[in-house]
Protein backbone atom coordinates (compact mmCIF):
# COMPACT_ATOMS: atom_id res chain seq x y z
CA MET A 1 -111.54 151.60 54.37
CA VAL A 2 -113.58 148.74 55.70
CA LYS A 3 -111.29 145.67 55.53
CA HIS A 4 -114.53 143.32 56.46
CA MET A 5 -118.19 142.93 55.08
CA GLU A 6 -119.33 140.57 58.19
CA LYS A 7 -122.07 142.56 60.60
CA LEU A 8 -120.23 142.95 63.88
CA LEU A 9 -122.91 144.63 65.61
CA GLU A 10 -126.90 144.96 64.74
CA VAL A 11 -129.17 147.43 66.65
CA ASN A 12 -132.46 146.38 65.83
CA HIS A 13 -135.74 148.38 67.02
CA LEU A 14 -133.88 150.00 70.57
CA ILE A 15 -136.15 151.80 72.32
CA LYS A 16 -135.15 153.65 75.85
CA HIS A 17 -137.79 155.42 78.22
CA PHE A 18 -136.60 157.01 81.08
CA PRO A 19 -139.54 157.55 83.61
CA LEU A 20 -139.88 161.40 85.18
CA ASP A 21 -139.54 161.44 88.91
CA LYS A 22 -142.48 162.96 90.41
CA GLY A 23 -143.24 164.31 93.94
CA PHE A 24 -145.45 162.09 96.33
CA LEU A 25 -148.60 164.43 95.81
CA ALA A 26 -148.47 164.34 91.70
CA GLN A 27 -148.10 160.47 91.99
CA LEU A 28 -151.51 160.40 93.87
CA LEU A 29 -153.23 162.89 92.04
CA SER A 30 -152.17 161.42 88.49
CA LYS A 31 -152.06 158.08 86.95
CA GLU A 32 -150.36 158.98 83.70
CA LYS A 33 -146.75 157.90 83.58
CA ARG A 34 -145.03 160.38 81.82
CA VAL A 35 -141.41 159.34 80.34
CA VAL A 36 -138.60 161.01 78.42
CA HIS A 37 -138.30 159.54 74.93
CA ALA A 38 -134.29 159.04 74.74
CA VAL A 39 -134.24 156.45 72.12
CA ASP A 40 -136.86 155.59 69.93
CA ASN A 41 -137.18 152.74 67.43
CA VAL A 42 -133.06 153.24 66.19
CA SER A 43 -131.94 150.41 63.79
CA PHE A 44 -128.46 150.16 62.26
CA PHE A 45 -125.68 147.92 62.07
CA ILE A 46 -121.45 147.98 62.20
CA ARG A 47 -119.42 145.95 59.86
CA GLU A 48 -116.11 144.43 60.93
CA GLY A 49 -113.25 147.21 60.75
CA GLU A 50 -115.85 149.71 59.79
CA VAL A 51 -116.30 153.57 61.77
CA LEU A 52 -120.04 154.42 61.92
CA GLY A 53 -120.66 157.89 63.17
CA LEU A 54 -123.77 158.48 65.07
CA ALA A 55 -124.04 162.67 64.85
CA GLY A 56 -126.69 164.87 66.29
CA GLU A 57 -127.36 167.83 68.63
CA SER A 58 -126.77 167.63 72.37
CA GLY A 59 -129.63 165.56 73.99
CA CYS A 60 -130.81 163.62 70.77
CA GLY A 61 -130.02 160.46 72.28
CA LYS A 62 -126.01 159.65 71.08
CA THR A 63 -124.59 158.57 74.23
CA THR A 64 -127.64 156.67 75.43
CA VAL A 65 -127.46 154.61 72.18
CA GLY A 66 -123.79 153.94 73.29
CA ARG A 67 -124.36 152.91 76.81
CA LEU A 68 -127.20 150.49 75.92
CA ILE A 69 -125.13 148.70 73.22
CA LEU A 70 -122.45 148.13 76.06
CA ARG A 71 -125.32 147.09 78.61
CA LEU A 72 -124.61 150.06 80.62
CA LEU A 73 -128.09 150.70 80.68
CA GLU A 74 -130.90 148.22 79.91
CA PRO A 75 -133.48 148.91 77.18
CA THR A 76 -136.91 149.52 77.16
CA SER A 77 -137.46 146.89 74.32
CA GLY A 78 -135.25 146.18 71.11
CA GLU A 79 -132.66 144.12 70.37
CA ILE A 80 -128.97 144.43 70.01
CA LEU A 81 -126.71 141.34 68.39
CA TYR A 82 -122.90 141.48 68.71
CA ARG A 83 -121.63 138.45 66.45
CA GLY A 84 -125.22 137.21 66.05
CA LYS A 85 -125.80 136.91 69.61
CA SER A 86 -127.98 138.82 71.43
CA ILE A 87 -126.05 140.56 74.60
CA TYR A 88 -129.33 140.79 76.79
CA GLN A 89 -129.42 137.11 76.65
CA ASN A 90 -126.02 137.00 78.25
CA THR A 91 -125.35 135.91 82.02
CA LYS A 92 -123.45 138.76 84.08
CA GLU A 93 -120.35 136.26 83.42
CA GLU A 94 -120.95 136.13 79.49
CA MET A 95 -121.64 139.73 79.78
CA ARG A 96 -117.93 140.26 81.60
CA ARG A 97 -116.02 138.32 79.26
CA LEU A 98 -117.84 140.25 76.49
CA ARG A 99 -116.99 143.38 77.82
CA GLU A 100 -113.38 142.70 77.43
CA LYS A 101 -113.85 143.03 73.35
CA MET A 102 -116.43 146.12 73.71
CA GLN A 103 -114.53 149.00 75.31
CA VAL A 104 -115.46 152.74 75.49
CA ILE A 105 -113.83 155.90 75.67
CA PHE A 106 -116.04 158.56 77.57
CA GLN A 107 -116.64 161.77 76.87
CA ASP A 108 -114.89 163.86 79.93
CA PRO A 109 -111.62 161.87 80.50
CA PHE A 110 -110.96 163.37 83.95
CA ALA A 111 -114.68 162.64 85.10
CA SER A 112 -113.72 159.26 84.18
CA LEU A 113 -110.31 158.63 86.03
CA SER A 114 -110.32 157.92 89.68
CA PRO A 115 -108.06 160.55 91.45
CA ARG A 116 -106.93 158.07 93.96
CA MET A 117 -105.54 155.76 91.00
CA SER A 118 -102.25 156.70 89.44
CA ILE A 119 -102.44 156.95 85.56
CA GLY A 120 -100.79 153.25 85.24
CA GLU A 121 -103.14 151.67 87.95
CA ALA A 122 -106.19 153.09 86.00
CA ILE A 123 -104.55 152.22 82.56
CA GLY A 124 -103.74 148.35 83.63
CA PHE A 125 -107.02 148.05 85.78
CA PRO A 126 -108.99 146.38 82.99
CA LEU A 127 -106.11 143.59 83.02
CA LYS A 128 -107.30 142.75 86.67
CA ILE A 129 -110.71 142.41 85.93
CA HIS A 130 -110.40 140.40 82.43
CA THR A 131 -106.89 138.48 82.69
CA SER A 132 -104.91 136.54 85.18
CA TYR A 133 -101.76 138.32 84.38
CA THR A 134 -99.23 138.71 86.94
CA SER A 135 -98.16 142.23 88.37
CA THR A 136 -95.02 142.43 86.70
CA GLU A 137 -96.81 141.32 83.16
CA THR A 138 -99.61 143.97 83.74
CA LYS A 139 -97.35 146.48 84.11
CA ASP A 140 -95.24 145.71 81.24
CA LEU A 141 -98.36 145.63 79.14
CA THR A 142 -99.31 148.98 80.67
CA HIS A 143 -96.25 150.68 79.65
CA GLU A 144 -96.22 149.45 76.18
CA ILE A 145 -100.09 150.67 75.22
CA MET A 146 -98.98 153.97 77.01
CA GLU A 147 -95.92 154.10 74.79
CA LYS A 148 -98.31 153.37 71.75
CA VAL A 149 -100.67 156.38 72.07
CA GLY A 150 -98.09 158.84 73.08
CA LEU A 151 -97.91 158.57 76.97
CA SER A 152 -93.95 158.82 76.99
CA PRO A 153 -91.93 158.30 79.09
CA ALA A 154 -94.48 155.76 80.18
CA ASP A 155 -92.34 154.92 83.44
CA PHE A 156 -92.50 158.65 84.61
CA LEU A 157 -96.14 159.15 83.61
CA ALA A 158 -97.37 155.88 85.08
CA ARG A 159 -96.55 157.36 88.65
CA LYS A 160 -98.66 160.58 87.88
CA TYR A 161 -102.42 161.41 88.71
CA PRO A 162 -105.05 162.65 86.73
CA HIS A 163 -104.90 166.32 87.94
CA GLN A 164 -101.13 166.21 87.05
CA LEU A 165 -101.83 165.62 83.37
CA SER A 166 -102.73 167.93 80.79
CA GLY A 167 -106.25 167.49 78.87
CA GLY A 168 -104.73 165.93 75.99
CA GLN A 169 -102.41 163.40 77.92
CA ARG A 170 -105.74 162.45 80.26
CA GLN A 171 -107.74 161.82 76.82
CA ARG A 172 -104.64 159.44 76.04
CA VAL A 173 -104.83 157.88 79.03
CA VAL A 174 -108.79 156.77 78.65
CA ILE A 175 -107.77 155.71 75.23
CA ALA A 176 -104.93 153.52 76.52
CA ARG A 177 -107.07 152.11 79.16
CA ALA A 178 -109.71 151.19 76.44
CA LEU A 179 -107.28 149.57 74.23
CA ILE A 180 -105.22 147.30 76.70
CA THR A 181 -107.70 144.40 76.88
CA ASN A 182 -107.41 144.48 73.03
CA PRO A 183 -111.03 144.93 72.08
CA ASP A 184 -112.73 144.25 68.94
CA PHE A 185 -115.28 147.15 69.05
CA VAL A 186 -114.82 150.55 70.82
CA VAL A 187 -117.85 153.11 71.48
CA ALA A 188 -115.78 156.39 71.29
CA ASP A 189 -118.10 159.16 73.01
CA GLU A 190 -117.27 162.36 71.89
CA PRO A 191 -113.35 161.55 72.48
CA ILE A 192 -112.29 165.07 71.12
CA ALA A 193 -114.95 167.01 72.60
CA MET A 194 -112.92 168.33 75.96
CA ALA A 195 -109.88 169.11 74.15
CA ASP A 196 -108.56 172.19 72.09
CA VAL A 197 -108.54 172.36 68.16
CA SER A 198 -104.74 171.44 67.85
CA VAL A 199 -105.16 168.28 70.56
CA SER A 200 -108.14 167.33 68.59
CA ALA A 201 -106.41 166.97 65.39
CA MET A 202 -103.43 164.55 67.10
CA ILE A 203 -106.28 162.47 68.94
CA LEU A 204 -108.14 161.90 65.64
CA GLU A 205 -104.93 161.16 64.02
CA LEU A 206 -103.91 158.66 66.97
CA MET A 207 -107.25 156.94 66.36
CA VAL A 208 -106.95 156.87 62.69
CA GLN A 209 -103.59 155.00 63.63
CA LEU A 210 -104.90 152.61 66.19
CA LYS A 211 -107.59 151.47 64.51
CA GLU A 212 -105.35 149.93 61.75
CA GLU A 213 -102.99 148.79 64.11
CA PHE A 214 -105.29 146.84 66.55
CA ASP A 215 -108.09 146.12 63.48
CA LEU A 216 -110.76 148.21 65.39
CA THR A 217 -114.41 149.07 64.77
CA TYR A 218 -115.45 152.10 66.02
CA LEU A 219 -119.21 153.70 66.98
CA PHE A 220 -117.87 156.98 66.88
CA ILE A 221 -120.43 159.68 68.81
CA THR A 222 -120.32 163.61 67.87
CA HIS A 223 -122.16 166.65 67.32
CA ASP A 224 -119.35 167.56 65.06
CA LEU A 225 -119.91 166.62 61.38
CA ALA A 226 -116.49 168.20 60.32
CA THR A 227 -114.50 165.52 62.38
CA CYS A 228 -116.80 162.62 60.79
CA LYS A 229 -114.85 162.41 57.30
CA TYR A 230 -111.27 162.17 58.97
CA LEU A 231 -112.45 159.01 60.52
CA CYS A 232 -115.94 157.27 59.57
CA ASP A 233 -116.78 155.24 56.66
CA ARG A 234 -120.66 155.80 57.43
CA ILE A 235 -122.36 158.10 59.32
CA ALA A 236 -125.90 158.00 60.99
CA ILE A 237 -127.67 161.53 61.82
CA MET A 238 -129.75 161.16 64.80
CA TYR A 239 -132.64 163.92 66.12
CA LEU A 240 -134.93 163.46 69.38
CA GLY A 241 -134.15 159.90 69.89
CA GLN A 242 -134.54 158.99 66.12
CA ILE A 243 -132.40 157.94 63.53
CA LEU A 244 -133.13 160.30 59.95
CA GLU A 245 -130.64 159.26 57.75
CA ILE A 246 -127.72 156.66 57.53
CA GLY A 247 -125.23 155.97 54.79
CA PRO A 248 -121.75 155.89 53.33
CA LEU A 249 -119.97 159.21 54.51
CA ASP A 250 -119.45 160.70 50.94
CA GLU A 251 -122.56 159.83 49.59
CA VAL A 252 -124.46 161.61 52.48
CA PHE A 253 -122.39 164.66 52.45
CA LYS A 254 -122.59 165.23 48.93
CA HIS A 255 -126.07 164.38 48.38
CA PRO A 256 -128.23 165.00 51.91
CA ILE A 257 -131.66 164.24 51.53
CA HIS A 258 -132.98 164.95 55.06
CA PRO A 259 -133.49 168.83 55.76
CA TYR A 260 -131.94 168.46 58.90
CA THR A 261 -129.01 166.69 57.52
CA ILE A 262 -128.90 169.36 55.06
CA SER A 263 -128.86 171.96 57.87
CA LEU A 264 -126.33 170.12 59.80
CA LEU A 265 -123.99 170.23 56.86
CA ALA A 266 -124.93 173.91 56.20
CA ALA A 267 -123.58 174.80 59.92
CA VAL A 268 -120.11 173.17 59.03
CA PRO A 269 -117.44 176.11 59.33
CA VAL A 270 -116.06 177.09 56.13
CA PRO A 271 -112.35 178.53 56.16
CA ASP A 272 -113.35 181.53 54.07
CA PRO A 273 -114.10 184.78 55.30
CA LYS A 274 -116.03 185.96 52.10
CA PHE A 275 -118.21 182.78 52.30
CA ARG A 276 -122.16 183.55 53.09
CA ARG A 277 -124.38 180.88 54.25
CA THR A 278 -127.81 180.88 51.93
CA ASP A 279 -129.37 177.73 53.43
CA PRO A 280 -132.10 178.00 55.77
CA ILE A 281 -131.75 177.64 59.54
CA PRO A 282 -133.84 175.20 61.43
CA LYS A 283 -136.50 177.23 63.03
CA GLY A 284 -137.02 177.55 66.84
CA GLU A 285 -135.67 175.13 69.68
CA ILE A 286 -135.33 171.31 70.06
CA PRO A 287 -138.91 170.48 70.77
CA SER A 288 -139.25 168.01 74.53
CA ALA A 289 -138.15 164.43 74.40
CA VAL A 290 -140.94 164.05 76.96
CA ASP A 291 -143.80 165.16 74.52
CA PRO A 292 -142.30 164.52 71.04
CA PRO A 293 -144.22 166.24 68.05
CA SER A 294 -146.33 163.85 66.24
CA GLY A 295 -145.02 162.53 62.90
CA CYS A 296 -141.83 163.60 61.75
CA ARG A 297 -140.14 164.96 64.62
CA PHE A 298 -138.42 167.75 62.82
CA HIS A 299 -141.34 169.16 61.22
CA PRO A 300 -141.97 171.84 63.56
CA ARG A 301 -138.47 173.26 62.62
CA CYS A 302 -138.57 172.02 59.30
CA SER A 303 -138.67 174.60 56.10
CA PHE A 304 -139.60 172.14 53.73
CA ALA A 305 -142.57 170.37 56.11
CA ARG A 306 -146.16 169.80 54.28
CA ALA A 307 -149.25 169.30 55.94
CA GLY A 308 -148.79 165.17 56.11
CA CYS A 309 -145.33 165.35 57.85
CA SER A 310 -147.27 166.17 61.31
CA GLU A 311 -149.37 163.08 60.63
CA ARG A 312 -147.40 160.22 59.26
CA LEU A 313 -144.16 158.76 61.35
CA PRO A 314 -141.61 158.40 58.22
CA VAL A 315 -139.35 154.93 58.70
CA LEU A 316 -136.08 154.65 57.09
CA GLU A 317 -136.14 153.94 53.15
CA LYS A 318 -133.62 153.33 50.64
CA VAL A 319 -132.85 156.14 48.58
CA ALA A 320 -129.62 154.74 46.84
CA GLY A 321 -127.39 151.81 47.81
CA ASP A 322 -126.62 151.79 51.24
CA HIS A 323 -128.12 155.16 51.76
CA TRP A 324 -131.44 155.41 53.91
CA VAL A 325 -133.64 158.33 54.95
CA ALA A 326 -136.79 159.02 56.84
CA CYS A 327 -138.53 161.91 55.46
CA PRO A 328 -142.41 162.04 54.26
CA VAL A 329 -141.24 164.69 51.69
CA ASN A 330 -138.79 162.65 50.23
CA GLN A 331 -140.69 159.55 50.50
């Protein structure tokens, strides 16, 4: 449940293109600069205390959006406002102070932890960057957050190294590291993708609990729509660098409008062996982000596509309340 109505974060017309590396001869023979359209004109907002799910297939640009918000990547164009101020106008020192309140939970906990740092050192390291706590104070705060995320006994586990922990424990470590600076906003980049089903359920329950305790705002990046309903207030559906539908979770789940959203929801597993799917499955493969289709980017795979879908680039338009859709067929 969202406790606040103020916008914490606003993303306006965000674009990120990655130039393609060419060989020396190719650069001489061709003047054309080809790019990967990772994020193309993405706009949304997140209110304080809210969880926005950003969902879509692998490679659609979800993680790139998260990294742009944290300014781990610089955009090609666009604007990101945090509490009404553009983060791209911040100096390096202002950005360092802001990152104390903007943290990230990376998808692969093993890859994001240094094998040379003990668990206690890894979790407490953000305090060394952002605060002036003494070693004793840092140790005490590290053990306190470890206990809160279920890493107990903290004194024993703090001396361990990443390879000595289970996958679920490592995931709790990166959650603890993200929360130790008491942030307001957390980008959770597929935080349960590397965990099995039982561990995933515990991590989701932990994230809900910590959200209430720390009054957090999440951007929850996932490819699994089934997990969104346990955590998210609103959901944005992303495809090939663009947002196709965004709205309250219950509204989008009960009344999906974009054909891509309908296909994703139809693919959610149903615990019934007698259940048989009747919804059409998208045709073919995801087009290349180097040469995306004209018009609606989903139209080559859409069962409801019309002639105009390849000509008109749809924009998000309100269909009801806070529910927005970018679809030529429904506009």
